[in-house]
Protein backbone atom coordinates (compact mmCIF):
# COMPACT_ATOMS: atom_id res chain seq x y z
CA UNK A 1 114.01 91.90 90.50
CA UNK A 2 113.39 93.34 93.94
CA UNK A 3 114.34 96.98 94.56
CA UNK A 4 116.13 97.82 97.81
CA UNK A 5 115.77 101.21 99.44
CA UNK A 6 118.91 103.27 99.26
CA UNK A 7 120.22 104.35 102.65
CA UNK A 8 122.54 107.28 103.16
CA UNK A 9 126.01 106.26 104.31
CA UNK A 10 127.45 108.67 106.84
CA UNK A 11 130.64 109.18 108.81
CA UNK A 12 130.01 108.83 112.56
CA UNK A 13 132.25 109.84 115.46
CA UNK A 14 131.65 107.43 118.32
CA UNK A 15 132.37 106.90 121.98
CA UNK A 16 132.97 103.35 123.23
CA UNK A 17 131.90 102.90 126.84
CA UNK A 18 132.90 100.25 129.34
CA UNK A 19 130.96 97.57 127.43
CA UNK A 20 132.57 98.60 124.13
CA UNK A 21 129.16 99.45 122.62
CA UNK A 22 129.63 102.32 120.22
CA UNK A 23 127.47 105.38 120.82
CA UNK A 24 127.32 108.15 118.21
CA UNK A 25 128.63 111.53 119.41
CA UNK A 26 128.57 113.36 116.06
CA UNK A 27 128.09 112.55 112.39
CA UNK A 28 128.68 114.17 109.02
CA UNK A 29 126.14 114.64 106.26
CA UNK A 30 128.31 115.70 103.36
CA UNK A 31 130.14 118.78 104.63
CA UNK A 32 127.66 119.38 107.46
CA UNK A 33 128.56 118.11 110.95
CA UNK A 34 125.79 117.33 113.44
CA UNK A 35 126.67 116.95 117.13
CA UNK A 36 124.50 114.48 119.05
CA UNK A 37 122.88 116.40 121.91
CA UNK A 38 120.75 113.55 123.24
CA UNK A 39 120.42 109.81 122.70
CA UNK A 40 116.65 109.42 122.81
CA UNK A 41 116.55 105.64 122.36
CA UNK A 42 118.59 102.67 121.17
CA UNK A 43 117.83 99.10 120.21
CA UNK A 44 119.97 96.20 119.17
CA UNK A 45 119.70 93.12 117.03
CA UNK A 46 122.43 90.60 116.17
CA UNK A 47 123.66 92.46 113.08
CA UNK A 48 122.58 96.08 113.63
CA UNK A 49 122.51 98.70 116.35
CA UNK A 50 119.99 101.51 116.04
CA UNK A 51 120.30 104.91 117.71
CA UNK A 52 117.55 107.53 117.82
CA UNK A 53 119.30 110.82 118.50
CA UNK A 54 118.56 114.54 118.67
CA UNK A 55 121.15 116.67 116.92
CA UNK A 56 122.40 120.11 117.91
CA UNK A 57 120.15 121.41 115.11
CA UNK A 58 117.05 120.18 117.02
CA UNK A 59 116.29 117.50 114.44
CA UNK A 60 115.75 113.80 115.18
CA UNK A 61 117.78 111.13 113.38
CA UNK A 62 117.81 107.35 113.43
CA UNK A 63 121.28 105.99 112.74
CA UNK A 64 122.03 102.35 112.04
CA UNK A 65 125.38 100.71 112.73
CA UNK A 66 125.92 97.59 110.62
CA UNK A 67 128.01 95.40 112.91
CA UNK A 68 129.48 92.98 110.30
CA UNK A 69 130.72 95.78 108.01
CA UNK A 70 131.24 98.39 110.76
CA UNK A 71 129.40 100.88 108.50
CA UNK A 72 126.90 103.57 109.50
CA UNK A 73 123.74 104.69 107.69
CA UNK A 74 121.13 107.38 108.22
CA UNK A 75 117.80 105.59 107.97
CA UNK A 76 115.36 108.27 109.15
CA UNK A 77 115.29 112.02 109.61
CA UNK A 78 112.61 114.20 111.23
CA UNK A 79 112.87 117.98 111.35
CA UNK A 80 112.55 119.37 114.87
CA UNK A 81 111.42 122.72 116.14
CA UNK A 82 107.71 122.07 115.64
CA UNK A 83 108.06 122.15 111.86
CA UNK A 84 106.11 118.95 111.39
CA UNK A 85 104.87 115.80 113.07
CA UNK A 86 107.21 114.43 115.71
CA UNK A 87 108.45 110.89 116.02
CA UNK A 88 107.41 109.03 119.15
CA UNK A 89 109.60 109.39 122.27
CA UNK A 90 110.58 112.95 121.32
């Protein structure tokens, strides 16, 4: 049996622009709310949209929007503020 990595489901507040692509504006990790200060990068595939964002806490997050289910997941986190190695493009 193959094990699948568990991803953290999150609640995301979005903004839909003129093309109706959803962009994250804030998201909740449990009771903690993180406001998106900067969208560093984004990439798309047929079933997922990925957003690399910097939160108001200075940390970097990669969020994945699953298009078929309209669900959001946190797939990567990197602490900002020089507390460790940085992800590219930051």
